[in-house]
């Protein structure tokens, strides 16, 4: 349903993680290059963590476009502008999202973006050197999931 996806991204633009989480089915499966696969409450908590981080970055912004959907599938394009926390470097990430819907909620959400492009922006020279490798992706997934676990333990 297009309205569910629009609600999700409007909430993201406003950095409203609770509304975003309400668009997700309890059995949500999320996947992207940075976090890998997250299920259920972990996927919802990822958005809570990211929105908290974006609220702390005065220049951060999210824009979405090209939402298409029927009763069971959808897609969208979105862009994120923010400072990568570890380096402070500005990132402009271009993401294409695919959705599966069930009972009017998002049950599967897959974000695709060029991890090498992202790593060059976020990490500079070291991103250029290793951002294209499987080793980097595995290390990044471990790091983002550690940050998510820390965030969840503080809640």
C-alpha atoms as a PDB file:
ATOM      1  CA  UNK A   1       0.000   0.000   0.000  1.00  0.00           C
ATOM      2  CA  UNK A   2       1.435   3.281  -1.123  1.00  0.00           C
ATOM      3  CA  UNK A   3       0.041   5.134   1.900  1.00  0.00           C
ATOM      4  CA  UNK A   4       1.992   2.921   4.335  1.00  0.00           C
ATOM      5  CA  UNK A   5       5.268   3.547   2.522  1.00  0.00           C
ATOM      6  CA  UNK A   6       4.541   7.287   2.312  1.00  0.00           C
ATOM      7  CA  UNK A   7       3.752   7.360   6.042  1.00  0.00           C
ATOM      8  CA  UNK A   8       7.032   5.530   6.750  1.00  0.00           C
ATOM      9  CA  UNK A   9       9.141   8.038   4.802  1.00  0.00           C
ATOM     10  CA  UNK A  10       7.263  11.120   5.997  1.00  0.00           C
ATOM     11  CA  UNK A  11       8.011   9.950   9.533  1.00  0.00           C
ATOM     12  CA  UNK A  12      11.645   9.382   8.564  1.00  0.00           C
ATOM     13  CA  UNK A  13      11.899  12.939   7.192  1.00  0.00           C
ATOM     14  CA  UNK A  14      10.603  14.104  10.597  1.00  0.00           C
ATOM     15  CA  UNK A  15      12.956  11.685  12.414  1.00  0.00           C
ATOM     16  CA  UNK A  16       9.911  10.058  14.063  1.00  0.00           C
ATOM     17  CA  UNK A  17      11.075   6.490  14.688  1.00  0.00           C
ATOM     18  CA  UNK A  18       7.932   5.402  16.546  1.00  0.00           C
ATOM     19  CA  UNK A  19       5.707   6.183  13.562  1.00  0.00           C
ATOM     20  CA  UNK A  20       8.209   4.424  11.300  1.00  0.00           C
ATOM     21  CA  UNK A  21       8.110   1.343  13.560  1.00  0.00           C
ATOM     22  CA  UNK A  22       4.307   1.377  13.487  1.00  0.00           C
ATOM     23  CA  UNK A  23       4.469   0.848   9.700  1.00  0.00           C
ATOM     24  CA  UNK A  24       6.346  -2.421  10.209  1.00  0.00           C
ATOM     25  CA  UNK A  25       4.701  -5.800  10.723  1.00  0.00           C
ATOM     26  CA  UNK A  26       5.829  -7.618  13.893  1.00  0.00           C
ATOM     27  CA  UNK A  27       7.525 -10.205  11.633  1.00  0.00           C
ATOM     28  CA  UNK A  28       9.475  -7.568   9.663  1.00  0.00           C
ATOM     29  CA  UNK A  29      12.682  -8.614   7.911  1.00  0.00           C
ATOM     30  CA  UNK A  30      14.947  -5.685   7.012  1.00  0.00           C
ATOM     31  CA  UNK A  31      18.150  -5.920   4.996  1.00  0.00           C
ATOM     32  CA  UNK A  32      20.771  -3.462   3.787  1.00  0.00           C
ATOM     33  CA  UNK A  33      24.521  -3.472   3.085  1.00  0.00           C
ATOM     34  CA  UNK A  34      25.424  -1.757   6.378  1.00  0.00           C
ATOM     35  CA  UNK A  35      23.418  -3.813   8.893  1.00  0.00           C
ATOM     36  CA  UNK A  36      22.822  -7.048   7.000  1.00  0.00           C
ATOM     37  CA  UNK A  37      19.582  -8.790   7.986  1.00  0.00           C
ATOM     38  CA  UNK A  38      17.572  -7.551  10.980  1.00  0.00           C
ATOM     39  CA  UNK A  39      14.301  -9.074  12.143  1.00  0.00           C
ATOM     40  CA  UNK A  40      11.393  -7.939  14.292  1.00  0.00           C
ATOM     41  CA  UNK A  41      12.128  -5.500  17.094  1.00  0.00           C
ATOM     42  CA  UNK A  42      15.802  -5.265  16.054  1.00  0.00           C
ATOM     43  CA  UNK A  43      14.766  -3.741  12.708  1.00  0.00           C
ATOM     44  CA  UNK A  44      12.496  -1.251  14.482  1.00  0.00           C
ATOM     45  CA  UNK A  45      15.271  -0.389  16.927  1.00  0.00           C
ATOM     46  CA  UNK A  46      17.667   0.288  14.063  1.00  0.00           C
ATOM     47  CA  UNK A  47      15.378   3.129  12.918  1.00  0.00           C
ATOM     48  CA  UNK A  48      15.094   4.366  16.511  1.00  0.00           C
ATOM     49  CA  UNK A  49      18.882   4.486  16.730  1.00  0.00           C
ATOM     50  CA  UNK A  50      19.299   6.154  13.328  1.00  0.00           C
ATOM     51  CA  UNK A  51      16.615   8.772  14.022  1.00  0.00           C
ATOM     52  CA  UNK A  52      18.248   9.606  17.356  1.00  0.00           C
ATOM     53  CA  UNK A  53      21.567  10.061  15.564  1.00  0.00           C
ATOM     54  CA  UNK A  54      20.006  12.184  12.807  1.00  0.00           C
ATOM     55  CA  UNK A  55      18.350  14.454  15.404  1.00  0.00           C
ATOM     56  CA  UNK A  56      21.818  15.208  16.767  1.00  0.00           C
ATOM     57  CA  UNK A  57      23.054  16.312  13.303  1.00  0.00           C
ATOM     58  CA  UNK A  58      21.542  19.738  12.512  1.00  0.00           C
ATOM     59  CA  UNK A  59      22.415  19.393   8.815  1.00  0.00           C
ATOM     60  CA  UNK A  60      20.978  15.868   8.415  1.00  0.00           C
ATOM     61  CA  UNK A  61      18.093  15.422   6.032  1.00  0.00           C
ATOM     62  CA  UNK A  62      16.086  12.684   4.337  1.00  0.00           C
ATOM     63  CA  UNK A  63      14.192  12.986   1.050  1.00  0.00           C
ATOM     64  CA  UNK A  64      12.081  10.327  -0.620  1.00  0.00           C
ATOM     65  CA  UNK A  65      10.580  10.004  -4.091  1.00  0.00           C
ATOM     66  CA  UNK A  66       9.214   7.608  -6.708  1.00  0.00           C
ATOM     67  CA  UNK A  67       6.990   5.589  -4.381  1.00  0.00           C
ATOM     68  CA  UNK A  68       5.109   2.865  -6.202  1.00  0.00           C
ATOM     69  CA  UNK A  69       3.021   0.168  -4.557  1.00  0.00           C
ATOM     70  CA  UNK A  70       0.138  -2.252  -4.840  1.00  0.00           C
ATOM     71  CA  UNK A  71      -1.409  -4.360  -2.059  1.00  0.00           C
ATOM     72  CA  UNK A  72       1.592  -6.669  -1.707  1.00  0.00           C
ATOM     73  CA  UNK A  73       4.739  -4.966  -3.056  1.00  0.00           C
ATOM     74  CA  UNK A  74       6.253  -1.534  -3.281  1.00  0.00           C
ATOM     75  CA  UNK A  75       9.387   0.429  -3.980  1.00  0.00           C
ATOM     76  CA  UNK A  76      10.823   3.854  -3.334  1.00  0.00           C
ATOM     77  CA  UNK A  77      13.948   5.934  -3.725  1.00  0.00           C
ATOM     78  CA  UNK A  78      15.363   7.898  -0.830  1.00  0.00           C
ATOM     79  CA  UNK A  79      18.414   9.991  -0.119  1.00  0.00           C
ATOM     80  CA  UNK A  80      20.149  10.674   3.166  1.00  0.00           C
ATOM     81  CA  UNK A  81      22.489  13.577   3.940  1.00  0.00           C
ATOM     82  CA  UNK A  82      24.325  13.272   7.259  1.00  0.00           C
ATOM     83  CA  UNK A  83      27.680  13.275   9.011  1.00  0.00           C
ATOM     84  CA  UNK A  84      29.121   9.801   9.556  1.00  0.00           C
ATOM     85  CA  UNK A  85      29.582   9.565  13.315  1.00  0.00           C
ATOM     86  CA  UNK A  86      32.988   7.944  13.451  1.00  0.00           C
ATOM     87  CA  UNK A  87      34.744  10.405  11.104  1.00  0.00           C
ATOM     88  CA  UNK A  88      32.372  13.381  10.951  1.00  0.00           C
ATOM     89  CA  UNK A  89      32.623  13.252   7.145  1.00  0.00           C
ATOM     90  CA  UNK A  90      29.501  14.300   5.216  1.00  0.00           C
ATOM     91  CA  UNK A  91      27.685  11.515   3.373  1.00  0.00           C
ATOM     92  CA  UNK A  92      25.069  11.706   0.617  1.00  0.00           C
ATOM     93  CA  UNK A  93      23.677   8.185   0.316  1.00  0.00           C
ATOM     94  CA  UNK A  94      21.359   7.176  -2.551  1.00  0.00           C
ATOM     95  CA  UNK A  95      19.100   4.259  -1.627  1.00  0.00           C
ATOM     96  CA  UNK A  96      16.570   2.198  -3.551  1.00  0.00           C
ATOM     97  CA  UNK A  97      14.092   0.365  -1.344  1.00  0.00           C
ATOM     98  CA  UNK A  98      11.874  -2.623  -2.068  1.00  0.00           C
ATOM     99  CA  UNK A  99       8.974  -3.628   0.142  1.00  0.00           C
ATOM    100  CA  UNK A 100       6.631  -6.525   0.692  1.00  0.00           C
ATOM    101  CA  UNK A 101       3.400  -5.779   2.525  1.00  0.00           C
ATOM    102  CA  UNK A 102       1.086  -7.926   4.609  1.00  0.00           C
ATOM    103  CA  UNK A 103      -2.051  -6.819   6.440  1.00  0.00           C
ATOM    104  CA  UNK A 104      -1.351  -3.229   5.347  1.00  0.00           C
ATOM    105  CA  UNK A 105       2.095  -3.219   6.995  1.00  0.00           C
ATOM    106  CA  UNK A 106       5.645  -3.627   5.742  1.00  0.00           C
ATOM    107  CA  UNK A 107       6.792  -7.222   6.343  1.00  0.00           C
ATOM    108  CA  UNK A 108       9.963  -7.125   4.226  1.00  0.00           C
ATOM    109  CA  UNK A 109      12.130  -4.077   3.536  1.00  0.00           C
ATOM    110  CA  UNK A 110      15.322  -4.239   1.491  1.00  0.00           C
ATOM    111  CA  UNK A 111      17.487  -1.152   1.019  1.00  0.00           C
ATOM    112  CA  UNK A 112      20.104  -1.239  -1.714  1.00  0.00           C
ATOM    113  CA  UNK A 113      22.930   1.242  -2.121  1.00  0.00           C
ATOM    114  CA  UNK A 114      26.486   1.344  -3.419  1.00  0.00           C
ATOM    115  CA  UNK A 115      28.518   0.425  -0.338  1.00  0.00           C
ATOM    116  CA  UNK A 116      31.785   1.373  -2.018  1.00  0.00           C
ATOM    117  CA  UNK A 117      30.456   4.851  -2.869  1.00  0.00           C
ATOM    118  CA  UNK A 118      29.257   5.192   0.727  1.00  0.00           C
ATOM    119  CA  UNK A 119      32.576   4.011   2.200  1.00  0.00           C
ATOM    120  CA  UNK A 120      34.574   6.541   0.158  1.00  0.00           C
ATOM    121  CA  UNK A 121      32.420   9.361   1.496  1.00  0.00           C
ATOM    122  CA  UNK A 122      32.222   8.138   5.094  1.00  0.00           C
ATOM    123  CA  UNK A 123      35.826   6.980   5.508  1.00  0.00           C
ATOM    124  CA  UNK A 124      37.851   8.851   2.910  1.00  0.00           C
ATOM    125  CA  UNK A 125      41.107   7.188   1.842  1.00  0.00           C
ATOM    126  CA  UNK A 126      40.579   4.000   3.867  1.00  0.00           C
ATOM    127  CA  UNK A 127      37.141   3.649   2.261  1.00  0.00           C
ATOM    128  CA  UNK A 128      38.751   3.945  -1.165  1.00  0.00           C
ATOM    129  CA  UNK A 129      41.245   1.246  -0.265  1.00  0.00           C
ATOM    130  CA  UNK A 130      39.006  -1.387   1.375  1.00  0.00           C
ATOM    131  CA  UNK A 131      35.383  -0.258   0.915  1.00  0.00           C
ATOM    132  CA  UNK A 132      34.838  -2.597  -2.016  1.00  0.00           C
ATOM    133  CA  UNK A 133      35.918  -5.776  -0.196  1.00  0.00           C
ATOM    134  CA  UNK A 134      33.833  -8.505   1.414  1.00  0.00           C
ATOM    135  CA  UNK A 135      36.062  -8.102   4.487  1.00  0.00           C
ATOM    136  CA  UNK A 136      34.914  -4.476   4.833  1.00  0.00           C
ATOM    137  CA  UNK A 137      31.230  -5.372   4.517  1.00  0.00           C
ATOM    138  CA  UNK A 138      31.568  -8.118   7.142  1.00  0.00           C
ATOM    139  CA  UNK A 139      33.424  -5.780   9.508  1.00  0.00           C
ATOM    140  CA  UNK A 140      30.869  -2.988   8.953  1.00  0.00           C
ATOM    141  CA  UNK A 141      27.955  -5.371   9.646  1.00  0.00           C
ATOM    142  CA  UNK A 142      29.607  -6.472  12.897  1.00  0.00           C
ATOM    143  CA  UNK A 143      30.245  -2.869  13.946  1.00  0.00           C
ATOM    144  CA  UNK A 144      26.730  -1.595  13.149  1.00  0.00           C
ATOM    145  CA  UNK A 145      25.163  -4.546  14.947  1.00  0.00           C
ATOM    146  CA  UNK A 146      27.361  -3.903  18.005  1.00  0.00           C
ATOM    147  CA  UNK A 147      26.189  -0.276  18.033  1.00  0.00           C
ATOM    148  CA  UNK A 148      22.590  -1.449  17.716  1.00  0.00           C
ATOM    149  CA  UNK A 149      23.003  -3.882  20.626  1.00  0.00           C
ATOM    150  CA  UNK A 150      24.498  -1.091  22.773  1.00  0.00           C
ATOM    151  CA  UNK A 151      21.567   1.148  21.851  1.00  0.00           C
ATOM    152  CA  UNK A 152      19.065  -1.580  22.742  1.00  0.00           C
ATOM    153  CA  UNK A 153      20.743  -2.193  26.106  1.00  0.00           C
ATOM    154  CA  UNK A 154      20.416   1.505  27.007  1.00  0.00           C
ATOM    155  CA  UNK A 155      16.684   1.651  26.264  1.00  0.00           C
END
